[in-house]
Amino acid sequence: VLFKVLSCKKDVFYRFMANGSLDWRKILYRINLQLIGKIAVRADSCSGKDPVCLIVDDSDLPKTGKKIERIGRIFSHVTHRSIIGFKALFLCRTDGKTQTVLDFSLHGE
C-alpha cells in the first residue's frame, strides 16, 4: 500500500529492506519524532491533562517455521516453562490515545 502512496514500485522497498548498511534504529527514531510531533499538535492532546507514559514490554515469539536461524530456548513468564523462540523487547510511548514504538530488539537466550 505504501508504494502506491509514494508512486514507486514495490521492488524499491525490497531493495531498501535488504540493504544491510542501513541504521534501522535511526530511521525508526526519525519517523517517531515526526509522528510524535504531528500527534502533539492535535487539539485534544494540547490540554496536557493526560500523562505521557513509557511502556517496556518483553513478549515471547514462539517458533512458527521449520528452519529459523539463531533460534534458541527462552523461558516464558506466561507459561512458566521453556519454549523454542525469541524474546522481543519493545519500548513504547503512549498518551492514553495513541501508542508508538520507540525502539525494539529481538533476543535469543
PDB file of N, CA and C in Angstrom:
ATOM      1  N   VAL A   1       0.827  -1.183   0.000  1.00  0.00           N
ATOM      2  CA  VAL A   1       0.000   0.000   0.000  1.00  0.00           C
ATOM      3  C   VAL A   1       0.874   1.251   0.000  1.00  0.00           C
ATOM      4  N   LEU A   2       1.999   1.211   0.717  1.00  0.00           N
ATOM      5  CA  LEU A   2       2.858   2.389   0.810  1.00  0.00           C
ATOM      6  C   LEU A   2       3.480   2.744  -0.539  1.00  0.00           C
ATOM      7  N   PHE A   3       3.777   1.737  -1.362  1.00  0.00           N
ATOM      8  CA  PHE A   3       4.378   2.035  -2.658  1.00  0.00           C
ATOM      9  C   PHE A   3       3.390   2.741  -3.582  1.00  0.00           C
ATOM     10  N   LYS A   4       2.089   2.557  -3.363  1.00  0.00           N
ATOM     11  CA  LYS A   4       1.089   3.288  -4.145  1.00  0.00           C
ATOM     12  C   LYS A   4       1.036   4.752  -3.724  1.00  0.00           C
ATOM     13  N   VAL A   5       1.183   4.994  -2.429  1.00  0.00           N
ATOM     14  CA  VAL A   5       1.153   6.371  -1.930  1.00  0.00           C
ATOM     15  C   VAL A   5       2.361   7.148  -2.435  1.00  0.00           C
ATOM     16  N   LEU A   6       3.525   6.517  -2.434  1.00  0.00           N
ATOM     17  CA  LEU A   6       4.749   7.193  -2.856  1.00  0.00           C
ATOM     18  C   LEU A   6       5.010   7.065  -4.350  1.00  0.00           C
ATOM     19  N   SER A   7       4.102   6.423  -5.073  1.00  0.00           N
ATOM     20  CA  SER A   7       4.167   6.220  -6.530  1.00  0.00           C
ATOM     21  C   SER A   7       5.509   5.640  -6.975  1.00  0.00           C
ATOM     22  N   CYS A   8       5.850   4.498  -6.412  1.00  0.00           N
ATOM     23  CA  CYS A   8       7.031   3.761  -6.840  1.00  0.00           C
ATOM     24  C   CYS A   8       6.682   2.275  -6.839  1.00  0.00           C
ATOM     25  N   LYS A   9       7.557   1.481  -7.396  1.00  0.00           N
ATOM     26  CA  LYS A   9       7.306   0.046  -7.451  1.00  0.00           C
ATOM     27  C   LYS A   9       7.714  -0.594  -6.133  1.00  0.00           C
ATOM     28  N   LYS A  10       7.118  -1.761  -5.852  1.00  0.00           N
ATOM     29  CA  LYS A  10       7.396  -2.408  -4.568  1.00  0.00           C
ATOM     30  C   LYS A  10       8.817  -2.939  -4.476  1.00  0.00           C
ATOM     31  N   ASP A  11       9.500  -3.128  -5.619  1.00  0.00           N
ATOM     32  CA  ASP A  11      10.891  -3.574  -5.594  1.00  0.00           C
ATOM     33  C   ASP A  11      11.800  -2.566  -4.894  1.00  0.00           C
ATOM     34  N   VAL A  12      11.430  -1.294  -4.940  1.00  0.00           N
ATOM     35  CA  VAL A  12      12.209  -0.261  -4.255  1.00  0.00           C
ATOM     36  C   VAL A  12      12.250  -0.549  -2.759  1.00  0.00           C
ATOM     37  N   PHE A  13      11.124  -0.958  -2.193  1.00  0.00           N
ATOM     38  CA  PHE A  13      11.065  -1.260  -0.759  1.00  0.00           C
ATOM     39  C   PHE A  13      11.823  -2.541  -0.424  1.00  0.00           C
ATOM     40  N   TYR A  14      11.765  -3.547  -1.303  1.00  0.00           N
ATOM     41  CA  TYR A  14      12.513  -4.780  -1.054  1.00  0.00           C
ATOM     42  C   TYR A  14      14.014  -4.510  -1.074  1.00  0.00           C
ATOM     43  N   ARG A  15      14.495  -3.691  -2.011  1.00  0.00           N
ATOM     44  CA  ARG A  15      15.917  -3.344  -2.041  1.00  0.00           C
ATOM     45  C   ARG A  15      16.304  -2.516  -0.816  1.00  0.00           C
ATOM     46  N   PHE A  16      15.415  -1.629  -0.407  1.00  0.00           N
ATOM     47  CA  PHE A  16      15.656  -0.806   0.778  1.00  0.00           C
ATOM     48  C   PHE A  16      15.788  -1.683   2.019  1.00  0.00           C
ATOM     49  N   MET A  17      14.892  -2.657   2.178  1.00  0.00           N
ATOM     50  CA  MET A  17      14.912  -3.525   3.358  1.00  0.00           C
ATOM     51  C   MET A  17      16.067  -4.516   3.322  1.00  0.00           C
ATOM     52  N   ALA A  18      16.542  -4.881   2.123  1.00  0.00           N
ATOM     53  CA  ALA A  18      17.633  -5.840   2.005  1.00  0.00           C
ATOM     54  C   ALA A  18      19.004  -5.197   2.217  1.00  0.00           C
ATOM     55  N   ASN A  19      19.067  -3.880   2.247  1.00  0.00           N
ATOM     56  CA  ASN A  19      20.327  -3.179   2.426  1.00  0.00           C
ATOM     57  C   ASN A  19      20.805  -3.352   3.871  1.00  0.00           C
ATOM     58  N   GLY A  20      21.931  -4.021   4.049  1.00  0.00           N
ATOM     59  CA  GLY A  20      22.446  -4.304   5.382  1.00  0.00           C
ATOM     60  C   GLY A  20      23.159  -3.146   6.048  1.00  0.00           C
ATOM     61  N   SER A  21      23.455  -2.093   5.298  1.00  0.00           N
ATOM     62  CA  SER A  21      24.204  -0.976   5.877  1.00  0.00           C
ATOM     63  C   SER A  21      23.306   0.127   6.437  1.00  0.00           C
ATOM     64  N   LEU A  22      22.003  -0.068   6.408  1.00  0.00           N
ATOM     65  CA  LEU A  22      21.086   0.948   6.929  1.00  0.00           C
ATOM     66  C   LEU A  22      21.001   0.876   8.449  1.00  0.00           C
ATOM     67  N   ASP A  23      20.926   2.022   9.069  1.00  0.00           N
ATOM     68  CA  ASP A  23      20.766   2.111  10.518  1.00  0.00           C
ATOM     69  C   ASP A  23      19.270   2.174  10.828  1.00  0.00           C
ATOM     70  N   TRP A  24      18.673   0.992  11.090  1.00  0.00           N
ATOM     71  CA  TRP A  24      17.228   0.902  11.283  1.00  0.00           C
ATOM     72  C   TRP A  24      16.762   1.654  12.512  1.00  0.00           C
ATOM     73  N   ARG A  25      17.562   1.692  13.552  1.00  0.00           N
ATOM     74  CA  ARG A  25      17.179   2.423  14.762  1.00  0.00           C
ATOM     75  C   ARG A  25      17.078   3.924  14.486  1.00  0.00           C
ATOM     76  N   LYS A  26      18.009   4.438  13.698  1.00  0.00           N
ATOM     77  CA  LYS A  26      17.976   5.859  13.365  1.00  0.00           C
ATOM     78  C   LYS A  26      16.763   6.190  12.497  1.00  0.00           C
ATOM     79  N   ILE A  27      16.437   5.314  11.549  1.00  0.00           N
ATOM     80  CA  ILE A  27      15.263   5.516  10.699  1.00  0.00           C
ATOM     81  C   ILE A  27      13.999   5.489  11.543  1.00  0.00           C
ATOM     82  N   LEU A  28      13.876   4.496  12.422  1.00  0.00           N
ATOM     83  CA  LEU A  28      12.707   4.396  13.296  1.00  0.00           C
ATOM     84  C   LEU A  28      12.611   5.611  14.218  1.00  0.00           C
ATOM     85  N   TYR A  29      13.744   6.065  14.727  1.00  0.00           N
ATOM     86  CA  TYR A  29      13.763   7.227  15.619  1.00  0.00           C
ATOM     87  C   TYR A  29      13.265   8.482  14.898  1.00  0.00           C
ATOM     88  N   ARG A  30      13.718   8.693  13.673  1.00  0.00           N
ATOM     89  CA  ARG A  30      13.307   9.893  12.924  1.00  0.00           C
ATOM     90  C   ARG A  30      11.832   9.847  12.539  1.00  0.00           C
ATOM     91  N   ILE A  31      11.341   8.681  12.171  1.00  0.00           N
ATOM     92  CA  ILE A  31       9.911   8.543  11.860  1.00  0.00           C
ATOM     93  C   ILE A  31       9.080   8.818  13.108  1.00  0.00           C
ATOM     94  N   ASN A  32       9.532   8.293  14.248  1.00  0.00           N
ATOM     95  CA  ASN A  32       8.807   8.521  15.502  1.00  0.00           C
ATOM     96  C   ASN A  32       8.802   9.990  15.907  1.00  0.00           C
ATOM     97  N   LEU A  33       9.914  10.689  15.694  1.00  0.00           N
ATOM     98  CA  LEU A  33       9.938  12.120  16.009  1.00  0.00           C
ATOM     99  C   LEU A  33       8.891  12.878  15.197  1.00  0.00           C
ATOM    100  N   GLN A  34       8.768  12.524  13.915  1.00  0.00           N
ATOM    101  CA  GLN A  34       7.766  13.183  13.076  1.00  0.00           C
ATOM    102  C   GLN A  34       6.356  12.831  13.532  1.00  0.00           C
ATOM    103  N   LEU A  35       6.127  11.551  13.858  1.00  0.00           N
ATOM    104  CA  LEU A  35       4.797  11.138  14.316  1.00  0.00           C
ATOM    105  C   LEU A  35       4.414  11.807  15.631  1.00  0.00           C
ATOM    106  N   ILE A  36       5.341  11.839  16.575  1.00  0.00           N
ATOM    107  CA  ILE A  36       5.054  12.451  17.873  1.00  0.00           C
ATOM    108  C   ILE A  36       4.793  13.944  17.703  1.00  0.00           C
ATOM    109  N   GLY A  37       5.528  14.585  16.800  1.00  0.00           N
ATOM    110  CA  GLY A  37       5.287  16.000  16.528  1.00  0.00           C
ATOM    111  C   GLY A  37       3.906  16.249  15.950  1.00  0.00           C
ATOM    112  N   LYS A  38       3.463  15.361  15.056  1.00  0.00           N
ATOM    113  CA  LYS A  38       2.126  15.509  14.464  1.00  0.00           C
ATOM    114  C   LYS A  38       1.029  15.196  15.480  1.00  0.00           C
ATOM    115  N   ILE A  39       1.272  14.222  16.356  1.00  0.00           N
ATOM    116  CA  ILE A  39       0.281  13.872  17.376  1.00  0.00           C
ATOM    117  C   ILE A  39       0.166  14.991  18.406  1.00  0.00           C
ATOM    118  N   ALA A  40       1.290  15.625  18.736  1.00  0.00           N
ATOM    119  CA  ALA A  40       1.295  16.652  19.785  1.00  0.00           C
ATOM    120  C   ALA A  40       0.524  17.901  19.392  1.00  0.00           C
ATOM    121  N   VAL A  41       0.361  18.170  18.109  1.00  0.00           N
ATOM    122  CA  VAL A  41      -0.351  19.383  17.691  1.00  0.00           C
ATOM    123  C   VAL A  41      -1.854  19.170  17.573  1.00  0.00           C
ATOM    124  N   ARG A  42      -2.309  17.952  17.837  1.00  0.00           N
ATOM    125  CA  ARG A  42      -3.757  17.713  17.817  1.00  0.00           C
ATOM    126  C   ARG A  42      -4.430  18.544  18.891  1.00  0.00           C
ATOM    127  N   ALA A  43      -5.656  18.933  18.634  1.00  0.00           N
ATOM    128  CA  ALA A  43      -6.387  19.787  19.578  1.00  0.00           C
ATOM    129  C   ALA A  43      -6.652  19.080  20.899  1.00  0.00           C
ATOM    130  N   ASP A  44      -6.944  17.778  20.856  1.00  0.00           N
ATOM    131  CA  ASP A  44      -7.280  17.078  22.097  1.00  0.00           C
ATOM    132  C   ASP A  44      -6.060  16.708  22.922  1.00  0.00           C
ATOM    133  N   SER A  45      -4.857  16.754  22.335  1.00  0.00           N
ATOM    134  CA  SER A  45      -3.670  16.422  23.123  1.00  0.00           C
ATOM    135  C   SER A  45      -2.969  17.670  23.654  1.00  0.00           C
ATOM    136  N   CYS A  46      -3.432  18.840  23.280  1.00  0.00           N
ATOM    137  CA  CYS A  46      -2.794  20.084  23.737  1.00  0.00           C
ATOM    138  C   CYS A  46      -3.194  20.474  25.153  1.00  0.00           C
ATOM    139  N   SER A  47      -4.196  19.820  25.701  1.00  0.00           N
ATOM    140  CA  SER A  47      -4.654  20.206  27.038  1.00  0.00           C
ATOM    141  C   SER A  47      -3.628  19.860  28.111  1.00  0.00           C
ATOM    142  N   GLY A  48      -2.836  18.820  27.891  1.00  0.00           N
ATOM    143  CA  GLY A  48      -1.813  18.437  28.855  1.00  0.00           C
ATOM    144  C   GLY A  48      -2.348  17.718  30.074  1.00  0.00           C
ATOM    145  N   LYS A  49      -3.609  17.329  30.064  1.00  0.00           N
ATOM    146  CA  LYS A  49      -4.195  16.634  31.215  1.00  0.00           C
ATOM    147  C   LYS A  49      -3.782  15.171  31.263  1.00  0.00           C
ATOM    148  N   ASP A  50      -3.635  14.567  30.105  1.00  0.00           N
ATOM    149  CA  ASP A  50      -3.281  13.152  30.051  1.00  0.00           C
ATOM    150  C   ASP A  50      -1.780  12.977  30.241  1.00  0.00           C
ATOM    151  N   PRO A  51      -1.377  12.018  31.074  1.00  0.00           N
ATOM    152  CA  PRO A  51       0.058  11.774  31.250  1.00  0.00           C
ATOM    153  C   PRO A  51       0.631  11.026  30.047  1.00  0.00           C
ATOM    154  N   VAL A  52       1.890  11.267  29.777  1.00  0.00           N
ATOM    155  CA  VAL A  52       2.610  10.534  28.742  1.00  0.00           C
ATOM    156  C   VAL A  52       3.442   9.479  29.451  1.00  0.00           C
ATOM    157  N   CYS A  53       3.304   8.220  29.028  1.00  0.00           N
ATOM    158  CA  CYS A  53       3.968   7.105  29.709  1.00  0.00           C
ATOM    159  C   CYS A  53       4.853   6.336  28.744  1.00  0.00           C
ATOM    160  N   LEU A  54       5.888   5.719  29.300  1.00  0.00           N
ATOM    161  CA  LEU A  54       6.724   4.786  28.558  1.00  0.00           C
ATOM    162  C   LEU A  54       6.349   3.375  28.972  1.00  0.00           C
ATOM    163  N   ILE A  55       6.277   2.476  27.999  1.00  0.00           N
ATOM    164  CA  ILE A  55       5.929   1.080  28.247  1.00  0.00           C
ATOM    165  C   ILE A  55       7.111   0.223  27.816  1.00  0.00           C
ATOM    166  N   VAL A  56       7.561  -0.656  28.687  1.00  0.00           N
ATOM    167  CA  VAL A  56       8.590  -1.637  28.352  1.00  0.00           C
ATOM    168  C   VAL A  56       7.920  -2.999  28.376  1.00  0.00           C
ATOM    169  N   ASP A  57       7.974  -3.709  27.253  1.00  0.00           N
ATOM    170  CA  ASP A  57       7.280  -4.985  27.122  1.00  0.00           C
ATOM    171  C   ASP A  57       8.245  -6.029  26.589  1.00  0.00           C
ATOM    172  N   ASP A  58       8.267  -7.195  27.225  1.00  0.00           N
ATOM    173  CA  ASP A  58       9.012  -8.325  26.678  1.00  0.00           C
ATOM    174  C   ASP A  58       8.003  -9.403  26.309  1.00  0.00           C
ATOM    175  N   SER A  59       7.927  -9.678  25.033  1.00  0.00           N
ATOM    176  CA  SER A  59       6.970 -10.651  24.520  1.00  0.00           C
ATOM    177  C   SER A  59       7.703 -11.878  24.014  1.00  0.00           C
ATOM    178  N   ASP A  60       7.042 -13.013  24.120  1.00  0.00           N
ATOM    179  CA  ASP A  60       7.584 -14.258  23.584  1.00  0.00           C
ATOM    180  C   ASP A  60       7.138 -14.405  22.139  1.00  0.00           C
ATOM    181  N   LEU A  61       8.075 -14.772  21.272  1.00  0.00           N
ATOM    182  CA  LEU A  61       7.758 -15.070  19.885  1.00  0.00           C
ATOM    183  C   LEU A  61       8.101 -16.531  19.643  1.00  0.00           C
ATOM    184  N   PRO A  62       7.138 -17.440  19.791  1.00  0.00           N
ATOM    185  CA  PRO A  62       7.438 -18.861  19.629  1.00  0.00           C
ATOM    186  C   PRO A  62       7.760 -19.213  18.182  1.00  0.00           C
ATOM    187  N   LYS A  63       8.452 -20.321  18.019  1.00  0.00           N
ATOM    188  CA  LYS A  63       8.843 -20.806  16.696  1.00  0.00           C
ATOM    189  C   LYS A  63       7.601 -21.120  15.880  1.00  0.00           C
ATOM    190  N   THR A  64       7.579 -20.662  14.617  1.00  0.00           N
ATOM    191  CA  THR A  64       6.439 -20.928  13.745  1.00  0.00           C
ATOM    192  C   THR A  64       6.824 -21.675  12.478  1.00  0.00           C
ATOM    193  N   GLY A  65       8.094 -21.698  12.111  1.00  0.00           N
ATOM    194  CA  GLY A  65       8.520 -22.344  10.876  1.00  0.00           C
ATOM    195  C   GLY A  65       9.366 -23.569  11.146  1.00  0.00           C
ATOM    196  N   LYS A  66       9.791 -24.234  10.062  1.00  0.00           N
ATOM    197  CA  LYS A  66      10.612 -25.432  10.209  1.00  0.00           C
ATOM    198  C   LYS A  66      12.059 -25.087  10.522  1.00  0.00           C
ATOM    199  N   LYS A  67      12.628 -24.128   9.765  1.00  0.00           N
ATOM    200  CA  LYS A  67      14.029 -23.763   9.954  1.00  0.00           C
ATOM    201  C   LYS A  67      14.122 -22.261  10.192  1.00  0.00           C
ATOM    202  N   ILE A  68      14.664 -21.885  11.344  1.00  0.00           N
ATOM    203  CA  ILE A  68      14.841 -20.482  11.687  1.00  0.00           C
ATOM    204  C   ILE A  68      16.256 -20.317  12.228  1.00  0.00           C
ATOM    205  N   GLU A  69      16.986 -19.329  11.712  1.00  0.00           N
ATOM    206  CA  GLU A  69      18.360 -19.103  12.147  1.00  0.00           C
ATOM    207  C   GLU A  69      18.415 -18.484  13.538  1.00  0.00           C
ATOM    208  N   ARG A  70      19.450 -18.866  14.296  1.00  0.00           N
ATOM    209  CA  ARG A  70      19.759 -18.293  15.612  1.00  0.00           C
ATOM    210  C   ARG A  70      18.595 -18.345  16.594  1.00  0.00           C
ATOM    211  N   ILE A  71      17.839 -19.396  16.535  1.00  0.00           N
ATOM    212  CA  ILE A  71      16.721 -19.557  17.468  1.00  0.00           C
ATOM    213  C   ILE A  71      17.202 -20.379  18.658  1.00  0.00           C
ATOM    214  N   GLY A  72      16.611 -20.182  19.789  1.00  0.00           N
ATOM    215  CA  GLY A  72      17.014 -20.917  20.979  1.00  0.00           C
ATOM    216  C   GLY A  72      15.873 -21.070  21.953  1.00  0.00           C
ATOM    217  N   ARG A  73      16.197 -21.687  23.073  1.00  0.00           N
ATOM    218  CA  ARG A  73      15.185 -21.867  24.115  1.00  0.00           C
ATOM    219  C   ARG A  73      15.123 -20.604  24.958  1.00  0.00           C
ATOM    220  N   ILE A  74      13.900 -20.152  25.222  1.00  0.00           N
ATOM    221  CA  ILE A  74      13.681 -19.000  26.087  1.00  0.00           C
ATOM    222  C   ILE A  74      12.706 -19.403  27.178  1.00  0.00           C
ATOM    223  N   PHE A  75      12.798 -18.731  28.299  1.00  0.00           N
ATOM    224  CA  PHE A  75      11.859 -19.002  29.378  1.00  0.00           C
ATOM    225  C   PHE A  75      10.668 -18.076  29.221  1.00  0.00           C
ATOM    226  N   SER A  76       9.482 -18.669  29.151  1.00  0.00           N
ATOM    227  CA  SER A  76       8.251 -17.900  29.028  1.00  0.00           C
ATOM    228  C   SER A  76       7.688 -17.635  30.417  1.00  0.00           C
ATOM    229  N   HIS A  77       7.538 -16.359  30.770  1.00  0.00           N
ATOM    230  CA  HIS A  77       6.964 -15.998  32.067  1.00  0.00           C
ATOM    231  C   HIS A  77       5.455 -16.185  32.080  1.00  0.00           C
ATOM    232  N   VAL A  78       4.866 -16.373  30.910  1.00  0.00           N
ATOM    233  CA  VAL A  78       3.417 -16.587  30.817  1.00  0.00           C
ATOM    234  C   VAL A  78       3.075 -18.033  31.142  1.00  0.00           C
ATOM    235  N   THR A  79       3.794 -18.974  30.503  1.00  0.00           N
ATOM    236  CA  THR A  79       3.504 -20.399  30.699  1.00  0.00           C
ATOM    237  C   THR A  79       4.393 -21.039  31.762  1.00  0.00           C
ATOM    238  N   HIS A  80       5.407 -20.311  32.242  1.00  0.00           N
ATOM    239  CA  HIS A  80       6.355 -20.804  33.254  1.00  0.00           C
ATOM    240  C   HIS A  80       7.073 -22.069  32.797  1.00  0.00           C
ATOM    241  N   ARG A  81       7.474 -22.081  31.536  1.00  0.00           N
ATOM    242  CA  ARG A  81       8.281 -23.185  31.007  1.00  0.00           C
ATOM    243  C   ARG A  81       9.121 -22.666  29.846  1.00  0.00           C
ATOM    244  N   SER A  82      10.067 -23.459  29.410  1.00  0.00           N
ATOM    245  CA  SER A  82      10.916 -23.074  28.287  1.00  0.00           C
ATOM    246  C   SER A  82      10.230 -23.397  26.971  1.00  0.00           C
ATOM    247  N   ILE A  83      10.365 -22.493  26.021  1.00  0.00           N
ATOM    248  CA  ILE A  83       9.845 -22.716  24.672  1.00  0.00           C
ATOM    249  C   ILE A  83      10.944 -22.366  23.681  1.00  0.00           C
ATOM    250  N   ILE A  84      10.812 -22.861  22.461  1.00  0.00           N
ATOM    251  CA  ILE A  84      11.754 -22.516  21.406  1.00  0.00           C
ATOM    252  C   ILE A  84      11.228 -21.262  20.714  1.00  0.00           C
ATOM    253  N   GLY A  85      12.057 -20.218  20.676  1.00  0.00           N
ATOM    254  CA  GLY A  85      11.627 -18.973  20.050  1.00  0.00           C
ATOM    255  C   GLY A  85      12.555 -17.825  20.382  1.00  0.00           C
ATOM    256  N   PHE A  86      12.054 -16.632  20.269  1.00  0.00           N
ATOM    257  CA  PHE A  86      12.781 -15.401  20.547  1.00  0.00           C
ATOM    258  C   PHE A  86      12.050 -14.590  21.606  1.00  0.00           C
ATOM    259  N   LYS A  87      12.789 -13.707  22.266  1.00  0.00           N
ATOM    260  CA  LYS A  87      12.202 -12.683  23.129  1.00  0.00           C
ATOM    261  C   LYS A  87      12.225 -11.381  22.339  1.00  0.00           C
ATOM    262  N   ALA A  88      11.111 -10.691  22.318  1.00  0.00           N
ATOM    263  CA  ALA A  88      11.036  -9.376  21.685  1.00  0.00           C
ATOM    264  C   ALA A  88      10.894  -8.340  22.787  1.00  0.00           C
ATOM    265  N   LEU A  89      11.778  -7.363  22.794  1.00  0.00           N
ATOM    266  CA  LEU A  89      11.754  -6.298  23.789  1.00  0.00           C
ATOM    267  C   LEU A  89      11.346  -5.004  23.092  1.00  0.00           C
ATOM    268  N   PHE A  90      10.265  -4.381  23.574  1.00  0.00           N
ATOM    269  CA  PHE A  90       9.719  -3.173  22.962  1.00  0.00           C
ATOM    270  C   PHE A  90       9.743  -2.024  23.956  1.00  0.00           C
ATOM    271  N   LEU A  91      10.065  -0.837  23.472  1.00  0.00           N
ATOM    272  CA  LEU A  91       9.931   0.398  24.231  1.00  0.00           C
ATOM    273  C   LEU A  91       8.913   1.251  23.489  1.00  0.00           C
ATOM    274  N   CYS A  92       7.798   1.536  24.148  1.00  0.00           N
ATOM    275  CA  CYS A  92       6.693   2.267  23.520  1.00  0.00           C
ATOM    276  C   CYS A  92       6.379   3.530  24.306  1.00  0.00           C
ATOM    277  N   ARG A  93       5.751   4.474  23.626  1.00  0.00           N
ATOM    278  CA  ARG A  93       5.291   5.724  24.239  1.00  0.00           C
ATOM    279  C   ARG A  93       3.791   5.805  24.031  1.00  0.00           C
ATOM    280  N   THR A  94       3.059   6.174  25.072  1.00  0.00           N
ATOM    281  CA  THR A  94       1.617   6.312  24.949  1.00  0.00           C
ATOM    282  C   THR A  94       1.153   7.561  25.685  1.00  0.00           C
ATOM    283  N   ASP A  95       0.119   8.173  25.131  1.00  0.00           N
ATOM    284  CA  ASP A  95      -0.520   9.304  25.804  1.00  0.00           C
ATOM    285  C   ASP A  95      -1.955   8.970  26.181  1.00  0.00           C
ATOM    286  N   GLY A  96      -2.295   7.707  26.174  1.00  0.00           N
ATOM    287  CA  GLY A  96      -3.645   7.269  26.512  1.00  0.00           C
ATOM    288  C   GLY A  96      -4.532   7.079  25.300  1.00  0.00           C
ATOM    289  N   LYS A  97      -4.185   7.737  24.201  1.00  0.00           N
ATOM    290  CA  LYS A  97      -4.973   7.612  22.975  1.00  0.00           C
ATOM    291  C   LYS A  97      -4.171   6.985  21.844  1.00  0.00           C
ATOM    292  N   THR A  98      -2.890   7.305  21.783  1.00  0.00           N
ATOM    293  CA  THR A  98      -2.026   6.774  20.733  1.00  0.00           C
ATOM    294  C   THR A  98      -0.844   6.053  21.364  1.00  0.00           C
ATOM    295  N   GLN A  99      -0.300   5.114  20.613  1.00  0.00           N
ATOM    296  CA  GLN A  99       0.860   4.364  21.081  1.00  0.00           C
ATOM    297  C   GLN A  99       1.842   4.248  19.930  1.00  0.00           C
ATOM    298  N   THR A 100       3.100   4.592  20.164  1.00  0.00           N
ATOM    299  CA  THR A 100       4.135   4.484  19.148  1.00  0.00           C
ATOM    300  C   THR A 100       5.284   3.652  19.701  1.00  0.00           C
ATOM    301  N   VAL A 101       5.880   2.837  18.837  1.00  0.00           N
ATOM    302  CA  VAL A 101       7.033   2.020  19.208  1.00  0.00           C
ATOM    303  C   VAL A 101       8.281   2.874  19.025  1.00  0.00           C
ATOM    304  N   LEU A 102       8.996   3.128  20.111  1.00  0.00           N
ATOM    305  CA  LEU A 102      10.211   3.933  20.051  1.00  0.00           C
ATOM    306  C   LEU A 102      11.423   3.099  19.666  1.00  0.00           C
ATOM    307  N   ASP A 103      11.496   1.876  20.173  1.00  0.00           N
ATOM    308  CA  ASP A 103      12.633   1.005  19.882  1.00  0.00           C
ATOM    309  C   ASP A 103      12.218  -0.437  20.128  1.00  0.00           C
ATOM    310  N   PHE A 104      12.933  -1.360  19.500  1.00  0.00           N
ATOM    311  CA  PHE A 104      12.654  -2.776  19.710  1.00  0.00           C
ATOM    312  C   PHE A 104      13.926  -3.573  19.458  1.00  0.00           C
ATOM    313  N   SER A 105      13.969  -4.779  19.998  1.00  0.00           N
ATOM    314  CA  SER A 105      15.079  -5.691  19.733  1.00  0.00           C
ATOM    315  C   SER A 105      14.602  -7.122  19.930  1.00  0.00           C
ATOM    316  N   LEU A 106      15.221  -8.036  19.200  1.00  0.00           N
ATOM    317  CA  LEU A 106      14.926  -9.464  19.311  1.00  0.00           C
ATOM    318  C   LEU A 106      16.100 -10.145  19.984  1.00  0.00           C
ATOM    319  N   HIS A 107      15.806 -11.041  20.928  1.00  0.00           N
ATOM    320  CA  HIS A 107      16.853 -11.721  21.681  1.00  0.00           C
ATOM    321  C   HIS A 107      16.575 -13.212  21.737  1.00  0.00           C
ATOM    322  N   GLY A 108      17.626 -13.994  21.623  1.00  0.00           N
ATOM    323  CA  GLY A 108      17.563 -15.418  21.890  1.00  0.00           C
ATOM    324  C   GLY A 108      18.378 -15.687  23.140  1.00  0.00           C
ATOM    325  N   GLU A 109      17.850 -16.425  24.067  1.00  0.00           N
ATOM    326  CA  GLU A 109      18.549 -16.636  25.341  1.00  0.00           C
ATOM    327  C   GLU A 109      19.420 -17.863  25.287  1.00  0.00           C
TER     328      GLU A 109
END
